[in-house]
Amino acid sequence: MSADDMLAVRLVFGANVLVAGIVGATTLFRPAVARALVFGNTVDPSAALRIVGSFWLAIALLSAIGVFHPRPMLAVLVVQLLYKGLWLAVVAMPALVAGDSRGLPSGVAVFFLVWVAVLPFVIPWRVLFGPAS
């Protein structure tokens, strides 16, 4: 990876540590708080919500490793691109097209949209799919 690629990847991992760490910990350990602050009261605090929190906190922990060792953690960014893109395509877009965005957490949707727009340009695809070295 070039120095510029490395810096961009490390910045994304750092953002994951900060955002996914705070949001994940809040969602896992304080789901009622996350319901209001993260999800705009569009979901109920539940075991399913805490699963989401544990997933986000896991992304933050793996991203902490990625700040210092980005190459082995690149798959974390691909997972983020896939799950956020799938949620936008399968949940958010149909709701918006149907004119029923009441149940969508707008802050989450905007953050997912930004991340899906940025990640394809940050992920060093040649490193992931190039010849093994």
Protein backbone atom coordinates (compact mmCIF):
# COMPACT_ATOMS: atom_id res chain seq x y z
CA MET A 1 0.00 0.00 0.00
CA SER A 2 1.20 3.50 -0.72
CA ALA A 3 1.71 5.93 2.13
CA ASP A 4 -1.44 7.82 1.07
CA ASP A 5 -3.48 4.60 0.97
CA MET A 6 -2.14 3.64 4.37
CA LEU A 7 -3.05 7.01 5.86
CA ALA A 8 -6.60 6.91 4.46
CA VAL A 9 -7.14 3.36 5.74
CA ARG A 10 -5.76 4.26 9.17
CA LEU A 11 -8.04 7.33 9.33
CA VAL A 12 -11.07 5.19 8.50
CA PHE A 13 -10.08 2.67 11.15
CA GLY A 14 -9.64 5.54 13.62
CA ALA A 15 -13.09 6.86 12.78
CA ASN A 16 -14.46 3.35 13.33
CA VAL A 17 -12.82 3.18 16.75
CA LEU A 18 -14.39 6.46 17.74
CA VAL A 19 -17.85 6.20 16.18
CA ALA A 20 -18.49 2.45 16.26
CA GLY A 21 -16.90 2.28 19.71
CA ILE A 22 -19.15 4.91 21.25
CA VAL A 23 -22.30 3.89 19.38
CA GLY A 24 -21.61 0.17 19.87
CA ALA A 25 -20.94 0.47 23.59
CA THR A 26 -24.00 2.68 24.07
CA THR A 27 -26.22 0.30 22.08
CA LEU A 28 -24.88 -2.78 23.88
CA PHE A 29 -24.78 -1.47 27.45
CA ARG A 30 -27.37 1.33 27.41
CA PRO A 31 -29.94 0.34 24.75
CA ALA A 32 -32.57 2.76 26.04
CA VAL A 33 -30.12 5.64 25.60
CA ALA A 34 -29.14 4.38 22.14
CA ARG A 35 -32.83 4.12 21.22
CA ALA A 36 -33.15 7.87 21.64
CA LEU A 37 -29.72 9.18 20.67
CA VAL A 38 -28.69 6.80 17.88
CA PHE A 39 -31.95 5.46 16.50
CA GLY A 40 -34.21 8.49 16.96
CA ASN A 41 -36.77 6.41 18.90
CA THR A 42 -37.44 4.26 15.83
CA VAL A 43 -36.60 0.96 17.56
CA ASP A 44 -37.31 -0.63 20.90
CA PRO A 45 -34.48 -1.49 23.27
CA SER A 46 -34.25 -5.26 22.83
CA ALA A 47 -31.90 -8.21 22.66
CA ALA A 48 -31.72 -7.69 18.89
CA LEU A 49 -30.61 -4.10 19.40
CA ARG A 50 -27.90 -5.31 21.77
CA ILE A 51 -26.70 -7.76 19.10
CA VAL A 52 -26.24 -4.76 16.79
CA GLY A 53 -24.33 -3.02 19.59
CA SER A 54 -22.04 -6.01 20.08
CA PHE A 55 -21.38 -6.14 16.33
CA TRP A 56 -20.50 -2.44 16.20
CA LEU A 57 -18.28 -2.74 19.27
CA ALA A 58 -16.50 -5.70 17.64
CA ILE A 59 -15.91 -3.55 14.55
CA ALA A 60 -14.44 -0.86 16.79
CA LEU A 61 -12.12 -3.33 18.53
CA LEU A 62 -10.93 -4.83 15.24
CA SER A 63 -10.48 -1.32 13.88
CA ALA A 64 -8.24 -0.46 16.85
CA ILE A 65 -5.97 -3.24 15.63
CA GLY A 66 -6.36 -1.89 12.09
CA VAL A 67 -5.00 1.50 13.08
CA PHE A 68 -1.65 -0.16 13.81
CA HIS A 69 -1.86 -3.19 11.49
CA PRO A 70 -4.15 -2.14 8.62
CA ARG A 71 -3.44 -4.87 6.08
CA PRO A 72 -4.76 -7.85 8.09
CA MET A 73 -7.87 -5.88 9.09
CA LEU A 74 -8.94 -4.73 5.60
CA ALA A 75 -11.73 -7.33 5.53
CA VAL A 76 -13.43 -5.38 8.33
CA LEU A 77 -13.91 -2.48 5.90
CA VAL A 78 -15.35 -4.81 3.25
CA VAL A 79 -17.82 -6.22 5.81
CA GLN A 80 -18.87 -2.67 6.65
CA LEU A 81 -19.34 -1.79 3.00
CA LEU A 82 -21.46 -4.90 2.45
CA TYR A 83 -23.73 -4.74 5.50
CA LYS A 84 -24.30 -0.99 5.28
CA GLY A 85 -24.93 -1.19 1.52
CA LEU A 86 -27.33 -4.10 1.97
CA TRP A 87 -29.28 -2.27 4.69
CA LEU A 88 -29.54 0.83 2.51
CA ALA A 89 -30.68 -1.21 -0.51
CA VAL A 90 -33.05 -3.59 1.24
CA VAL A 91 -34.45 -1.47 4.09
CA ALA A 92 -33.87 2.25 3.58
CA MET A 93 -34.41 2.67 -0.17
CA PRO A 94 -37.70 0.71 -0.34
CA ALA A 95 -39.04 2.68 2.63
CA LEU A 96 -38.05 5.98 1.04
CA VAL A 97 -39.51 4.99 -2.35
CA ALA A 98 -42.76 3.98 -0.63
CA GLY A 99 -42.82 7.32 1.20
CA ASP A 100 -42.69 5.59 4.59
CA SER A 101 -39.48 6.67 6.28
CA ARG A 102 -41.06 6.99 9.75
CA GLY A 103 -39.34 3.85 11.02
CA LEU A 104 -35.93 4.69 9.59
CA PRO A 105 -33.27 6.04 11.92
CA SER A 106 -32.22 9.02 9.80
CA GLY A 107 -28.87 9.55 11.51
CA VAL A 108 -27.89 5.92 10.96
CA ALA A 109 -29.07 6.08 7.34
CA VAL A 110 -27.03 9.20 6.58
CA PHE A 111 -23.93 7.78 8.26
CA PHE A 112 -24.32 4.50 6.35
CA LEU A 113 -24.74 6.40 3.08
CA VAL A 114 -21.57 8.41 3.68
CA TRP A 115 -19.59 5.30 4.61
CA VAL A 116 -20.85 3.38 1.55
CA ALA A 117 -19.83 6.32 -0.64
CA VAL A 118 -16.35 6.62 0.94
CA LEU A 119 -15.26 3.02 1.54
CA PRO A 120 -14.94 1.92 -2.10
CA PHE A 121 -12.34 4.65 -2.60
CA VAL A 122 -10.45 3.93 0.63
CA ILE A 123 -10.26 0.15 0.47
CA PRO A 124 -7.07 -0.81 -1.40
CA TRP A 125 -8.70 -3.43 -3.64
CA ARG A 126 -5.40 -4.42 -5.28
CA VAL A 127 -4.01 -5.35 -1.88
CA LEU A 128 -7.05 -7.48 -1.12
CA PHE A 129 -7.31 -9.21 -4.48
CA GLY A 130 -3.80 -8.91 -5.88
CA PRO A 131 -1.23 -11.68 -5.84
CA ALA A 132 -0.21 -12.95 -2.41
CA SER A 133 3.16 -11.70 -1.34
